[in-house]
Amino acid sequence: MNQDTNADEVKVVENVDALVKAIENIMGNEEINSVNVLSLCINAMQIVEKMPKMSGEMKKKVVVSAIGELISRRKGDMSLLSLIPQFIDTTINVEKGKIHITINPEEVLSCCASMCGSFANVKN
């Protein structure tokens, strides 16, 4: 291993520690679960984006490692970690315009209206 590789690994570890602390401040005592893990990932990505002199792959490594550390510390389901790398890639591709998401407002309203109608027909 050369000196640059060692320096990169030290930088990743330092940034993971900093990111874990930042995310813990945001989370408070909240557990990590399937409902909030992707939101936490977005928060982590936004924080890491501001960290200087790191390649995209290093930033991804820091986010994945930090989320893994948080799941472990909070005794969460480690299988959630498998979602993170692909979610990061997809989020970045959407941001760069490589993936286009088209939402038809009429379809959303129709869906919401039919759901509201279903709830209105439910009797206690």
PDB file of N, CA and C in Angstrom:
ATOM      1  N   MET A   1       0.847  -1.170   0.000  1.00  0.00           N
ATOM      2  CA  MET A   1       0.000   0.000   0.000  1.00  0.00           C
ATOM      3  C   MET A   1       0.892   1.232   0.000  1.00  0.00           C
ATOM      4  N   ASN A   2       0.570   2.194  -0.845  1.00  0.00           N
ATOM      5  CA  ASN A   2       1.406   3.377  -0.877  1.00  0.00           C
ATOM      6  C   ASN A   2       0.903   4.423   0.110  1.00  0.00           C
ATOM      7  N   GLN A   3       1.665   5.493   0.235  1.00  0.00           N
ATOM      8  CA  GLN A   3       1.364   6.524   1.220  1.00  0.00           C
ATOM      9  C   GLN A   3       0.042   7.237   0.914  1.00  0.00           C
ATOM     10  N   ASP A   4      -0.267   7.463  -0.385  1.00  0.00           N
ATOM     11  CA  ASP A   4      -1.514   8.126  -0.758  1.00  0.00           C
ATOM     12  C   ASP A   4      -2.724   7.298  -0.351  1.00  0.00           C
ATOM     13  N   THR A   5      -2.632   5.973  -0.524  1.00  0.00           N
ATOM     14  CA  THR A   5      -3.741   5.094  -0.142  1.00  0.00           C
ATOM     15  C   THR A   5      -3.972   5.155   1.356  1.00  0.00           C
ATOM     16  N   ASN A   6      -2.892   5.134   2.145  1.00  0.00           N
ATOM     17  CA  ASN A   6      -3.024   5.234   3.600  1.00  0.00           C
ATOM     18  C   ASN A   6      -3.652   6.562   4.000  1.00  0.00           C
ATOM     19  N   ALA A   7      -3.240   7.644   3.359  1.00  0.00           N
ATOM     20  CA  ALA A   7      -3.798   8.964   3.663  1.00  0.00           C
ATOM     21  C   ALA A   7      -5.285   9.010   3.322  1.00  0.00           C
ATOM     22  N   ASP A   8      -5.672   8.387   2.216  1.00  0.00           N
ATOM     23  CA  ASP A   8      -7.084   8.337   1.834  1.00  0.00           C
ATOM     24  C   ASP A   8      -7.904   7.566   2.865  1.00  0.00           C
ATOM     25  N   GLU A   9      -7.376   6.441   3.337  1.00  0.00           N
ATOM     26  CA  GLU A   9      -8.074   5.640   4.335  1.00  0.00           C
ATOM     27  C   GLU A   9      -8.231   6.408   5.643  1.00  0.00           C
ATOM     28  N   VAL A  10      -7.212   7.130   6.053  1.00  0.00           N
ATOM     29  CA  VAL A  10      -7.294   7.951   7.268  1.00  0.00           C
ATOM     30  C   VAL A  10      -8.360   9.025   7.085  1.00  0.00           C
ATOM     31  N   LYS A  11      -8.396   9.648   5.907  1.00  0.00           N
ATOM     32  CA  LYS A  11      -9.380  10.689   5.620  1.00  0.00           C
ATOM     33  C   LYS A  11     -10.796  10.119   5.678  1.00  0.00           C
ATOM     34  N   VAL A  12     -10.989   8.908   5.144  1.00  0.00           N
ATOM     35  CA  VAL A  12     -12.308   8.271   5.181  1.00  0.00           C
ATOM     36  C   VAL A  12     -12.731   8.033   6.625  1.00  0.00           C
ATOM     37  N   VAL A  13     -11.843   7.479   7.431  1.00  0.00           N
ATOM     38  CA  VAL A  13     -12.169   7.184   8.835  1.00  0.00           C
ATOM     39  C   VAL A  13     -12.508   8.467   9.587  1.00  0.00           C
ATOM     40  N   GLU A  14     -11.717   9.511   9.395  1.00  0.00           N
ATOM     41  CA  GLU A  14     -11.979  10.784  10.071  1.00  0.00           C
ATOM     42  C   GLU A  14     -13.316  11.361   9.643  1.00  0.00           C
ATOM     43  N   ASN A  15     -13.597  11.284   8.357  1.00  0.00           N
ATOM     44  CA  ASN A  15     -14.860  11.825   7.858  1.00  0.00           C
ATOM     45  C   ASN A  15     -16.052  10.986   8.291  1.00  0.00           C
ATOM     46  N   VAL A  16     -15.885   9.687   8.402  1.00  0.00           N
ATOM     47  CA  VAL A  16     -16.964   8.827   8.906  1.00  0.00           C
ATOM     48  C   VAL A  16     -17.298   9.227  10.333  1.00  0.00           C
ATOM     49  N   ASP A  17     -16.279   9.396  11.155  1.00  0.00           N
ATOM     50  CA  ASP A  17     -16.513   9.788  12.549  1.00  0.00           C
ATOM     51  C   ASP A  17     -17.254  11.121  12.628  1.00  0.00           C
ATOM     52  N   ALA A  18     -16.823  12.092  11.822  1.00  0.00           N
ATOM     53  CA  ALA A  18     -17.463  13.406  11.815  1.00  0.00           C
ATOM     54  C   ALA A  18     -18.913  13.303  11.333  1.00  0.00           C
ATOM     55  N   LEU A  19     -19.134  12.495  10.304  1.00  0.00           N
ATOM     56  CA  LEU A  19     -20.482  12.334   9.760  1.00  0.00           C
ATOM     57  C   LEU A  19     -21.402  11.641  10.754  1.00  0.00           C
ATOM     58  N   VAL A  20     -20.904  10.619  11.427  1.00  0.00           N
ATOM     59  CA  VAL A  20     -21.709   9.915  12.433  1.00  0.00           C
ATOM     60  C   VAL A  20     -22.160  10.906  13.507  1.00  0.00           C
ATOM     61  N   LYS A  21     -21.249  11.732  13.985  1.00  0.00           N
ATOM     62  CA  LYS A  21     -21.603  12.729  15.013  1.00  0.00           C
ATOM     63  C   LYS A  21     -22.649  13.704  14.493  1.00  0.00           C
ATOM     64  N   ALA A  22     -22.486  14.168  13.255  1.00  0.00           N
ATOM     65  CA  ALA A  22     -23.435  15.119  12.677  1.00  0.00           C
ATOM     66  C   ALA A  22     -24.820  14.492  12.532  1.00  0.00           C
ATOM     67  N   ILE A  23     -24.878  13.260  12.060  1.00  0.00           N
ATOM     68  CA  ILE A  23     -26.171  12.585  11.883  1.00  0.00           C
ATOM     69  C   ILE A  23     -26.813  12.291  13.239  1.00  0.00           C
ATOM     70  N   GLU A  24     -26.012  11.900  14.223  1.00  0.00           N
ATOM     71  CA  GLU A  24     -26.567  11.653  15.559  1.00  0.00           C
ATOM     72  C   GLU A  24     -27.185  12.928  16.138  1.00  0.00           C
ATOM     73  N   ASN A  25     -26.574  14.075  15.852  1.00  0.00           N
ATOM     74  CA  ASN A  25     -27.150  15.346  16.314  1.00  0.00           C
ATOM     75  C   ASN A  25     -28.501  15.597  15.665  1.00  0.00           C
ATOM     76  N   ILE A  26     -28.637  15.220  14.409  1.00  0.00           N
ATOM     77  CA  ILE A  26     -29.903  15.395  13.692  1.00  0.00           C
ATOM     78  C   ILE A  26     -30.953  14.416  14.220  1.00  0.00           C
ATOM     79  N   MET A  27     -30.542  13.173  14.457  1.00  0.00           N
ATOM     80  CA  MET A  27     -31.478  12.107  14.824  1.00  0.00           C
ATOM     81  C   MET A  27     -31.973  12.166  16.252  1.00  0.00           C
ATOM     82  N   GLY A  28     -31.145  12.637  17.151  1.00  0.00           N
ATOM     83  CA  GLY A  28     -31.508  12.528  18.558  1.00  0.00           C
ATOM     84  C   GLY A  28     -31.511  11.064  18.959  1.00  0.00           C
ATOM     85  N   ASN A  29     -32.570  10.619  19.606  1.00  0.00           N
ATOM     86  CA  ASN A  29     -32.673   9.229  20.073  1.00  0.00           C
ATOM     87  C   ASN A  29     -33.440   8.323  19.119  1.00  0.00           C
ATOM     88  N   GLU A  30     -33.772   8.840  17.950  1.00  0.00           N
ATOM     89  CA  GLU A  30     -34.563   8.086  16.984  1.00  0.00           C
ATOM     90  C   GLU A  30     -33.822   6.816  16.537  1.00  0.00           C
ATOM     91  N   GLU A  31     -34.569   5.738  16.357  1.00  0.00           N
ATOM     92  CA  GLU A  31     -33.967   4.513  15.848  1.00  0.00           C
ATOM     93  C   GLU A  31     -33.850   4.604  14.328  1.00  0.00           C
ATOM     94  N   ILE A  32     -33.012   3.762  13.756  1.00  0.00           N
ATOM     95  CA  ILE A  32     -32.899   3.687  12.297  1.00  0.00           C
ATOM     96  C   ILE A  32     -33.726   2.498  11.846  1.00  0.00           C
ATOM     97  N   ASN A  33     -34.635   2.760  10.912  1.00  0.00           N
ATOM     98  CA  ASN A  33     -35.506   1.698  10.429  1.00  0.00           C
ATOM     99  C   ASN A  33     -35.794   1.907   8.948  1.00  0.00           C
ATOM    100  N   SER A  34     -36.630   1.058   8.396  1.00  0.00           N
ATOM    101  CA  SER A  34     -36.930   1.125   6.965  1.00  0.00           C
ATOM    102  C   SER A  34     -37.681   2.399   6.587  1.00  0.00           C
ATOM    103  N   VAL A  35     -38.294   3.045   7.540  1.00  0.00           N
ATOM    104  CA  VAL A  35     -39.044   4.270   7.262  1.00  0.00           C
ATOM    105  C   VAL A  35     -38.112   5.469   7.106  1.00  0.00           C
ATOM    106  N   ASN A  36     -37.033   5.526   7.905  1.00  0.00           N
ATOM    107  CA  ASN A  36     -36.207   6.731   7.904  1.00  0.00           C
ATOM    108  C   ASN A  36     -34.796   6.567   7.339  1.00  0.00           C
ATOM    109  N   VAL A  37     -34.379   5.377   6.991  1.00  0.00           N
ATOM    110  CA  VAL A  37     -32.989   5.168   6.591  1.00  0.00           C
ATOM    111  C   VAL A  37     -32.624   5.950   5.323  1.00  0.00           C
ATOM    112  N   LEU A  38     -33.535   6.067   4.380  1.00  0.00           N
ATOM    113  CA  LEU A  38     -33.218   6.787   3.143  1.00  0.00           C
ATOM    114  C   LEU A  38     -33.177   8.295   3.378  1.00  0.00           C
ATOM    115  N   SER A  39     -34.007   8.796   4.263  1.00  0.00           N
ATOM    116  CA  SER A  39     -33.928  10.212   4.634  1.00  0.00           C
ATOM    117  C   SER A  39     -32.602  10.515   5.325  1.00  0.00           C
ATOM    118  N   LEU A  40     -32.183   9.604   6.183  1.00  0.00           N
ATOM    119  CA  LEU A  40     -30.881   9.776   6.841  1.00  0.00           C
ATOM    120  C   LEU A  40     -29.753   9.760   5.816  1.00  0.00           C
ATOM    121  N   CYS A  41     -29.892   8.916   4.822  1.00  0.00           N
ATOM    122  CA  CYS A  41     -28.892   8.843   3.771  1.00  0.00           C
ATOM    123  C   CYS A  41     -28.811  10.175   3.023  1.00  0.00           C
ATOM    124  N   ILE A  42     -29.946  10.763   2.725  1.00  0.00           N
ATOM    125  CA  ILE A  42     -29.958  12.065   2.036  1.00  0.00           C
ATOM    126  C   ILE A  42     -29.284  13.119   2.914  1.00  0.00           C
ATOM    127  N   ASN A  43     -29.604  13.129   4.207  1.00  0.00           N
ATOM    128  CA  ASN A  43     -28.943  14.068   5.126  1.00  0.00           C
ATOM    129  C   ASN A  43     -27.435  13.861   5.108  1.00  0.00           C
ATOM    130  N   ALA A  44     -27.031  12.605   5.153  1.00  0.00           N
ATOM    131  CA  ALA A  44     -25.597  12.292   5.147  1.00  0.00           C
ATOM    132  C   ALA A  44     -24.940  12.751   3.849  1.00  0.00           C
ATOM    133  N   MET A  45     -25.616  12.526   2.733  1.00  0.00           N
ATOM    134  CA  MET A  45     -25.074  12.949   1.436  1.00  0.00           C
ATOM    135  C   MET A  45     -24.914  14.467   1.387  1.00  0.00           C
ATOM    136  N   GLN A  46     -25.877  15.195   1.934  1.00  0.00           N
ATOM    137  CA  GLN A  46     -25.795  16.653   1.937  1.00  0.00           C
ATOM    138  C   GLN A  46     -24.636  17.150   2.796  1.00  0.00           C
ATOM    139  N   ILE A  47     -24.397  16.491   3.910  1.00  0.00           N
ATOM    140  CA  ILE A  47     -23.283  16.878   4.787  1.00  0.00           C
ATOM    141  C   ILE A  47     -21.957  16.563   4.113  1.00  0.00           C
ATOM    142  N   VAL A  48     -21.835  15.360   3.548  1.00  0.00           N
ATOM    143  CA  VAL A  48     -20.586  14.937   2.910  1.00  0.00           C
ATOM    144  C   VAL A  48     -20.261  15.801   1.695  1.00  0.00           C
ATOM    145  N   GLU A  49     -21.289  16.261   1.005  1.00  0.00           N
ATOM    146  CA  GLU A  49     -21.072  17.104  -0.172  1.00  0.00           C
ATOM    147  C   GLU A  49     -20.248  18.345   0.173  1.00  0.00           C
ATOM    148  N   LYS A  50     -20.357  18.810   1.396  1.00  0.00           N
ATOM    149  CA  LYS A  50     -19.634  20.009   1.835  1.00  0.00           C
ATOM    150  C   LYS A  50     -18.207  19.706   2.305  1.00  0.00           C
ATOM    151  N   MET A  51     -17.860  18.433   2.420  1.00  0.00           N
ATOM    152  CA  MET A  51     -16.508  18.064   2.851  1.00  0.00           C
ATOM    153  C   MET A  51     -15.552  18.233   1.674  1.00  0.00           C
ATOM    154  N   PRO A  52     -14.468  18.973   1.861  1.00  0.00           N
ATOM    155  CA  PRO A  52     -13.573  19.296   0.739  1.00  0.00           C
ATOM    156  C   PRO A  52     -12.654  18.142   0.336  1.00  0.00           C
ATOM    157  N   LYS A  53     -12.222  18.230  -0.897  1.00  0.00           N
ATOM    158  CA  LYS A  53     -11.159  17.378  -1.450  1.00  0.00           C
ATOM    159  C   LYS A  53     -11.414  15.892  -1.307  1.00  0.00           C
ATOM    160  N   MET A  54     -12.622  15.474  -1.649  1.00  0.00           N
ATOM    161  CA  MET A  54     -12.938  14.046  -1.653  1.00  0.00           C
ATOM    162  C   MET A  54     -13.603  13.712  -2.975  1.00  0.00           C
ATOM    163  N   SER A  55     -13.199  12.590  -3.550  1.00  0.00           N
ATOM    164  CA  SER A  55     -13.832  12.136  -4.795  1.00  0.00           C
ATOM    165  C   SER A  55     -15.245  11.657  -4.495  1.00  0.00           C
ATOM    166  N   GLY A  56     -16.028  11.491  -5.536  1.00  0.00           N
ATOM    167  CA  GLY A  56     -17.382  10.975  -5.373  1.00  0.00           C
ATOM    168  C   GLY A  56     -17.399   9.598  -4.732  1.00  0.00           C
ATOM    169  N   GLU A  57     -16.462   8.745  -5.153  1.00  0.00           N
ATOM    170  CA  GLU A  57     -16.395   7.398  -4.572  1.00  0.00           C
ATOM    171  C   GLU A  57     -16.032   7.443  -3.093  1.00  0.00           C
ATOM    172  N   MET A  58     -15.139   8.358  -2.718  1.00  0.00           N
ATOM    173  CA  MET A  58     -14.790   8.481  -1.300  1.00  0.00           C
ATOM    174  C   MET A  58     -15.993   8.958  -0.494  1.00  0.00           C
ATOM    175  N   LYS A  59     -16.729   9.921  -1.043  1.00  0.00           N
ATOM    176  CA  LYS A  59     -17.915  10.427  -0.347  1.00  0.00           C
ATOM    177  C   LYS A  59     -18.937   9.306  -0.154  1.00  0.00           C
ATOM    178  N   LYS A  60     -19.122   8.506  -1.199  1.00  0.00           N
ATOM    179  CA  LYS A  60     -20.054   7.381  -1.103  1.00  0.00           C
ATOM    180  C   LYS A  60     -19.595   6.404  -0.021  1.00  0.00           C
ATOM    181  N   LYS A  61     -18.304   6.125  -0.001  1.00  0.00           N
ATOM    182  CA  LYS A  61     -17.746   5.211   1.004  1.00  0.00           C
ATOM    183  C   LYS A  61     -17.973   5.747   2.410  1.00  0.00           C
ATOM    184  N   VAL A  62     -17.802   7.049   2.583  1.00  0.00           N
ATOM    185  CA  VAL A  62     -18.006   7.674   3.891  1.00  0.00           C
ATOM    186  C   VAL A  62     -19.468   7.550   4.311  1.00  0.00           C
ATOM    187  N   VAL A  63     -20.388   7.835   3.398  1.00  0.00           N
ATOM    188  CA  VAL A  63     -21.819   7.761   3.721  1.00  0.00           C
ATOM    189  C   VAL A  63     -22.211   6.329   4.073  1.00  0.00           C
ATOM    190  N   VAL A  64     -21.810   5.380   3.267  1.00  0.00           N
ATOM    191  CA  VAL A  64     -22.163   3.975   3.529  1.00  0.00           C
ATOM    192  C   VAL A  64     -21.583   3.528   4.869  1.00  0.00           C
ATOM    193  N   SER A  65     -20.337   3.862   5.121  1.00  0.00           N
ATOM    194  CA  SER A  65     -19.698   3.473   6.387  1.00  0.00           C
ATOM    195  C   SER A  65     -20.375   4.129   7.584  1.00  0.00           C
ATOM    196  N   ALA A  66     -20.725   5.405   7.447  1.00  0.00           N
ATOM    197  CA  ALA A  66     -21.369   6.110   8.561  1.00  0.00           C
ATOM    198  C   ALA A  66     -22.759   5.545   8.842  1.00  0.00           C
ATOM    199  N   ILE A  67     -23.527   5.289   7.803  1.00  0.00           N
ATOM    200  CA  ILE A  67     -24.862   4.706   8.001  1.00  0.00           C
ATOM    201  C   ILE A  67     -24.728   3.324   8.649  1.00  0.00           C
ATOM    202  N   GLY A  68     -23.757   2.537   8.194  1.00  0.00           N
ATOM    203  CA  GLY A  68     -23.512   1.230   8.806  1.00  0.00           C
ATOM    204  C   GLY A  68     -23.155   1.347  10.280  1.00  0.00           C
ATOM    205  N   GLU A  69     -22.320   2.319  10.595  1.00  0.00           N
ATOM    206  CA  GLU A  69     -21.932   2.543  11.995  1.00  0.00           C
ATOM    207  C   GLU A  69     -23.143   2.944  12.835  1.00  0.00           C
ATOM    208  N   LEU A  70     -23.972   3.806  12.297  1.00  0.00           N
ATOM    209  CA  LEU A  70     -25.168   4.241  13.027  1.00  0.00           C
ATOM    210  C   LEU A  70     -26.149   3.091  13.239  1.00  0.00           C
ATOM    211  N   ILE A  71     -26.352   2.288  12.210  1.00  0.00           N
ATOM    212  CA  ILE A  71     -27.258   1.130  12.346  1.00  0.00           C
ATOM    213  C   ILE A  71     -26.720   0.195  13.423  1.00  0.00           C
ATOM    214  N   SER A  72     -25.426  -0.045  13.398  1.00  0.00           N
ATOM    215  CA  SER A  72     -24.800  -0.929  14.384  1.00  0.00           C
ATOM    216  C   SER A  72     -24.930  -0.373  15.804  1.00  0.00           C
ATOM    217  N   ARG A  73     -24.613   0.899  15.977  1.00  0.00           N
ATOM    218  CA  ARG A  73     -24.691   1.520  17.308  1.00  0.00           C
ATOM    219  C   ARG A  73     -26.091   1.481  17.887  1.00  0.00           C
ATOM    220  N   ARG A  74     -27.067   1.628  17.009  1.00  0.00           N
ATOM    221  CA  ARG A  74     -28.453   1.685  17.471  1.00  0.00           C
ATOM    222  C   ARG A  74     -29.149   0.336  17.372  1.00  0.00           C
ATOM    223  N   LYS A  75     -28.353  -0.692  17.147  1.00  0.00           N
ATOM    224  CA  LYS A  75     -28.846  -2.072  17.100  1.00  0.00           C
ATOM    225  C   LYS A  75     -30.006  -2.228  16.109  1.00  0.00           C
ATOM    226  N   GLY A  76     -29.828  -1.607  14.951  1.00  0.00           N
ATOM    227  CA  GLY A  76     -30.837  -1.687  13.903  1.00  0.00           C
ATOM    228  C   GLY A  76     -30.620  -2.891  13.006  1.00  0.00           C
ATOM    229  N   ASP A  77     -31.442  -2.996  12.012  1.00  0.00           N
ATOM    230  CA  ASP A  77     -31.391  -4.092  11.051  1.00  0.00           C
ATOM    231  C   ASP A  77     -30.287  -3.806  10.030  1.00  0.00           C
ATOM    232  N   MET A  78     -29.195  -4.530  10.098  1.00  0.00           N
ATOM    233  CA  MET A  78     -28.046  -4.298   9.217  1.00  0.00           C
ATOM    234  C   MET A  78     -28.381  -4.552   7.749  1.00  0.00           C
ATOM    235  N   SER A  79     -29.469  -5.279   7.474  1.00  0.00           N
ATOM    236  CA  SER A  79     -29.832  -5.501   6.067  1.00  0.00           C
ATOM    237  C   SER A  79     -30.236  -4.192   5.391  1.00  0.00           C
ATOM    238  N   LEU A  80     -30.608  -3.176   6.165  1.00  0.00           N
ATOM    239  CA  LEU A  80     -30.938  -1.865   5.601  1.00  0.00           C
ATOM    240  C   LEU A  80     -29.746  -1.259   4.880  1.00  0.00           C
ATOM    241  N   LEU A  81     -28.549  -1.608   5.326  1.00  0.00           N
ATOM    242  CA  LEU A  81     -27.332  -1.056   4.732  1.00  0.00           C
ATOM    243  C   LEU A  81     -27.204  -1.444   3.257  1.00  0.00           C
ATOM    244  N   SER A  82     -27.779  -2.572   2.871  1.00  0.00           N
ATOM    245  CA  SER A  82     -27.682  -3.011   1.474  1.00  0.00           C
ATOM    246  C   SER A  82     -28.419  -2.073   0.515  1.00  0.00           C
ATOM    247  N   LEU A  83     -29.348  -1.281   1.025  1.00  0.00           N
ATOM    248  CA  LEU A  83     -30.085  -0.324   0.194  1.00  0.00           C
ATOM    249  C   LEU A  83     -29.251   0.905  -0.165  1.00  0.00           C
ATOM    250  N   ILE A  84     -28.303   1.245   0.665  1.00  0.00           N
ATOM    251  CA  ILE A  84     -27.647   2.551   0.605  1.00  0.00           C
ATOM    252  C   ILE A  84     -26.806   2.769  -0.653  1.00  0.00           C
ATOM    253  N   PRO A  85     -25.918   1.868  -1.054  1.00  0.00           N
ATOM    254  CA  PRO A  85     -25.089   2.161  -2.239  1.00  0.00           C
ATOM    255  C   PRO A  85     -25.906   2.432  -3.502  1.00  0.00           C
ATOM    256  N   GLN A  86     -26.905   1.615  -3.775  1.00  0.00           N
ATOM    257  CA  GLN A  86     -27.727   1.820  -4.974  1.00  0.00           C
ATOM    258  C   GLN A  86     -28.568   3.085  -4.847  1.00  0.00           C
ATOM    259  N   PHE A  87     -29.055   3.369  -3.642  1.00  0.00           N
ATOM    260  CA  PHE A  87     -29.827   4.582  -3.418  1.00  0.00           C
ATOM    261  C   PHE A  87     -28.978   5.822  -3.688  1.00  0.00           C
ATOM    262  N   ILE A  88     -27.732   5.799  -3.249  1.00  0.00           N
ATOM    263  CA  ILE A  88     -26.817   6.924  -3.506  1.00  0.00           C
ATOM    264  C   ILE A  88     -26.630   7.104  -5.009  1.00  0.00           C
ATOM    265  N   ASP A  89     -26.337   6.011  -5.707  1.00  0.00           N
ATOM    266  CA  ASP A  89     -26.125   6.093  -7.162  1.00  0.00           C
ATOM    267  C   ASP A  89     -27.364   6.633  -7.873  1.00  0.00           C
ATOM    268  N   THR A  90     -28.537   6.137  -7.496  1.00  0.00           N
ATOM    269  CA  THR A  90     -29.775   6.579  -8.130  1.00  0.00           C
ATOM    270  C   THR A  90     -30.046   8.053  -7.837  1.00  0.00           C
ATOM    271  N   THR A  91     -29.845   8.464  -6.602  1.00  0.00           N
ATOM    272  CA  THR A  91     -30.065   9.858  -6.224  1.00  0.00           C
ATOM    273  C   THR A  91     -29.154  10.786  -7.010  1.00  0.00           C
ATOM    274  N   ILE A  92     -27.898  10.409  -7.158  1.00  0.00           N
ATOM    275  CA  ILE A  92     -26.944  11.227  -7.911  1.00  0.00           C
ATOM    276  C   ILE A  92     -27.328  11.277  -9.384  1.00  0.00           C
ATOM    277  N   ASN A  93     -27.757  10.150  -9.941  1.00  0.00           N
ATOM    278  CA  ASN A  93     -28.186  10.132 -11.344  1.00  0.00           C
ATOM    279  C   ASN A  93     -29.429  10.999 -11.576  1.00  0.00           C
ATOM    280  N   VAL A  94     -30.344  11.015 -10.627  1.00  0.00           N
ATOM    281  CA  VAL A  94     -31.514  11.886 -10.739  1.00  0.00           C
ATOM    282  C   VAL A  94     -31.062  13.347 -10.683  1.00  0.00           C
ATOM    283  N   GLU A  95     -30.185  13.641  -9.737  1.00  0.00           N
ATOM    284  CA  GLU A  95     -29.693  15.013  -9.588  1.00  0.00           C
ATOM    285  C   GLU A  95     -28.965  15.497 -10.842  1.00  0.00           C
ATOM    286  N   LYS A  96     -28.216  14.613 -11.478  1.00  0.00           N
ATOM    287  CA  LYS A  96     -27.471  14.972 -12.679  1.00  0.00           C
ATOM    288  C   LYS A  96     -28.350  14.970 -13.936  1.00  0.00           C
ATOM    289  N   GLY A  97     -29.600  14.570 -13.788  1.00  0.00           N
ATOM    290  CA  GLY A  97     -30.512  14.555 -14.923  1.00  0.00           C
ATOM    291  C   GLY A  97     -30.395  13.317 -15.789  1.00  0.00           C
ATOM    292  N   LYS A  98     -29.692  12.300 -15.307  1.00  0.00           N
ATOM    293  CA  LYS A  98     -29.559  11.065 -16.066  1.00  0.00           C
ATOM    294  C   LYS A  98     -30.804  10.192 -15.953  1.00  0.00           C
ATOM    295  N   ILE A  99     -31.593  10.433 -14.917  1.00  0.00           N
ATOM    296  CA  ILE A  99     -32.858   9.728 -14.724  1.00  0.00           C
ATOM    297  C   ILE A  99     -33.930  10.800 -14.599  1.00  0.00           C
ATOM    298  N   HIS A 100     -34.974  10.664 -15.386  1.00  0.00           N
ATOM    299  CA  HIS A 100     -36.052  11.635 -15.355  1.00  0.00           C
ATOM    300  C   HIS A 100     -37.279  11.003 -14.718  1.00  0.00           C
ATOM    301  N   ILE A 101     -37.844  11.713 -13.779  1.00  0.00           N
ATOM    302  CA  ILE A 101     -39.053  11.251 -13.115  1.00  0.00           C
ATOM    303  C   ILE A 101     -40.163  12.219 -13.491  1.00  0.00           C
ATOM    304  N   THR A 102     -41.162  11.701 -14.159  1.00  0.00           N
ATOM    305  CA  THR A 102     -42.281  12.527 -14.575  1.00  0.00           C
ATOM    306  C   THR A 102     -43.481  12.183 -13.716  1.00  0.00           C
ATOM    307  N   ILE A 103     -44.031  13.202 -13.094  1.00  0.00           N
ATOM    308  CA  ILE A 103     -45.206  13.006 -12.255  1.00  0.00           C
ATOM    309  C   ILE A 103     -46.366  13.743 -12.905  1.00  0.00           C
ATOM    310  N   ASN A 104     -47.416  13.020 -13.159  1.00  0.00           N
ATOM    311  CA  ASN A 104     -48.615  13.605 -13.738  1.00  0.00           C
ATOM    312  C   ASN A 104     -49.530  14.025 -12.590  1.00  0.00           C
ATOM    313  N   PRO A 105     -49.703  15.334 -12.371  1.00  0.00           N
ATOM    314  CA  PRO A 105     -50.522  15.803 -11.243  1.00  0.00           C
ATOM    315  C   PRO A 105     -51.947  15.252 -11.252  1.00  0.00           C
ATOM    316  N   GLU A 106     -52.508  15.057 -12.436  1.00  0.00           N
ATOM    317  CA  GLU A 106     -53.872  14.528 -12.518  1.00  0.00           C
ATOM    318  C   GLU A 106     -53.943  13.107 -11.970  1.00  0.00           C
ATOM    319  N   GLU A 107     -52.915  12.301 -12.263  1.00  0.00           N
ATOM    320  CA  GLU A 107     -52.893  10.933 -11.754  1.00  0.00           C
ATOM    321  C   GLU A 107     -52.727  10.914 -10.239  1.00  0.00           C
ATOM    322  N   VAL A 108     -51.906  11.819  -9.723  1.00  0.00           N
ATOM    323  CA  VAL A 108     -51.701  11.902  -8.274  1.00  0.00           C
ATOM    324  C   VAL A 108     -53.010  12.288  -7.597  1.00  0.00           C
ATOM    325  N   LEU A 109     -53.690  13.296  -8.138  1.00  0.00           N
ATOM    326  CA  LEU A 109     -54.965  13.722  -7.556  1.00  0.00           C
ATOM    327  C   LEU A 109     -55.999  12.608  -7.615  1.00  0.00           C
ATOM    328  N   SER A 110     -56.042  11.906  -8.738  1.00  0.00           N
ATOM    329  CA  SER A 110     -56.982  10.808  -8.898  1.00  0.00           C
ATOM    330  C   SER A 110     -56.707   9.717  -7.871  1.00  0.00           C
ATOM    331  N   CYS A 111     -55.454   9.398  -7.694  1.00  0.00           N
ATOM    332  CA  CYS A 111     -55.062   8.367  -6.726  1.00  0.00           C
ATOM    333  C   CYS A 111     -55.448   8.797  -5.317  1.00  0.00           C
ATOM    334  N   CYS A 112     -55.136  10.057  -4.981  1.00  0.00           N
ATOM    335  CA  CYS A 112     -55.458  10.569  -3.644  1.00  0.00           C
ATOM    336  C   CYS A 112     -56.962  10.575  -3.408  1.00  0.00           C
ATOM    337  N   ALA A 113     -57.710  10.984  -4.429  1.00  0.00           N
ATOM    338  CA  ALA A 113     -59.164  11.035  -4.303  1.00  0.00           C
ATOM    339  C   ALA A 113     -59.743   9.644  -4.078  1.00  0.00           C
ATOM    340  N   SER A 114     -59.220   8.659  -4.811  1.00  0.00           N
ATOM    341  CA  SER A 114     -59.744   7.298  -4.644  1.00  0.00           C
ATOM    342  C   SER A 114     -59.368   6.740  -3.272  1.00  0.00           C
ATOM    343  N   MET A 115     -58.177   7.101  -2.782  1.00  0.00           N
ATOM    344  CA  MET A 115     -57.780   6.648  -1.435  1.00  0.00           C
ATOM    345  C   MET A 115     -58.673   7.293  -0.381  1.00  0.00           C
ATOM    346  N   CYS A 116     -58.935   8.591  -0.539  1.00  0.00           N
ATOM    347  CA  CYS A 116     -59.797   9.277   0.426  1.00  0.00           C
ATOM    348  C   CYS A 116     -61.189   8.670   0.425  1.00  0.00           C
ATOM    349  N   GLY A 117     -61.660   8.324  -0.765  1.00  0.00           N
ATOM    350  CA  GLY A 117     -62.961   7.678  -0.868  1.00  0.00           C
ATOM    351  C   GLY A 117     -62.988   6.334  -0.176  1.00  0.00           C
ATOM    352  N   SER A 118     -61.878   5.594  -0.285  1.00  0.00           N
ATOM    353  CA  SER A 118     -61.777   4.291   0.380  1.00  0.00           C
ATOM    354  C   SER A 118     -61.793   4.443   1.880  1.00  0.00           C
ATOM    355  N   PHE A 119     -61.099   5.483   2.384  1.00  0.00           N
ATOM    356  CA  PHE A 119     -61.068   5.705   3.822  1.00  0.00           C
ATOM    357  C   PHE A 119     -62.427   6.150   4.345  1.00  0.00           C
ATOM    358  N   ALA A 120     -63.146   6.901   3.522  1.00  0.00           N
ATOM    359  CA  ALA A 120     -64.457   7.391   3.940  1.00  0.00           C
ATOM    360  C   ALA A 120     -65.458   6.246   4.070  1.00  0.00           C
ATOM    361  N   ASN A 121     -65.254   5.164   3.326  1.00  0.00           N
ATOM    362  CA  ASN A 121     -66.175   4.028   3.371  1.00  0.00           C
ATOM    363  C   ASN A 121     -65.866   3.045   4.496  1.00  0.00           C
ATOM    364  N   VAL A 122     -64.748   3.255   5.191  1.00  0.00           N
ATOM    365  CA  VAL A 122     -64.371   2.361   6.277  1.00  0.00           C
ATOM    366  C   VAL A 122     -65.157   2.738   7.522  1.00  0.00           C
ATOM    367  N   LYS A 123     -65.806   1.748   8.143  1.00  0.00           N
ATOM    368  CA  LYS A 123     -66.587   1.991   9.372  1.00  0.00           C
ATOM    369  C   LYS A 123     -65.819   1.436  10.551  1.00  0.00           C
ATOM    370  N   ASN A 124     -65.869   2.159  11.629  1.00  0.00           N
ATOM    371  CA  ASN A 124     -65.197   1.702  12.868  1.00  0.00           C
ATOM    372  C   ASN A 124     -66.016   0.706  13.591  1.00  0.00           C
TER     373      ASN A 124
END
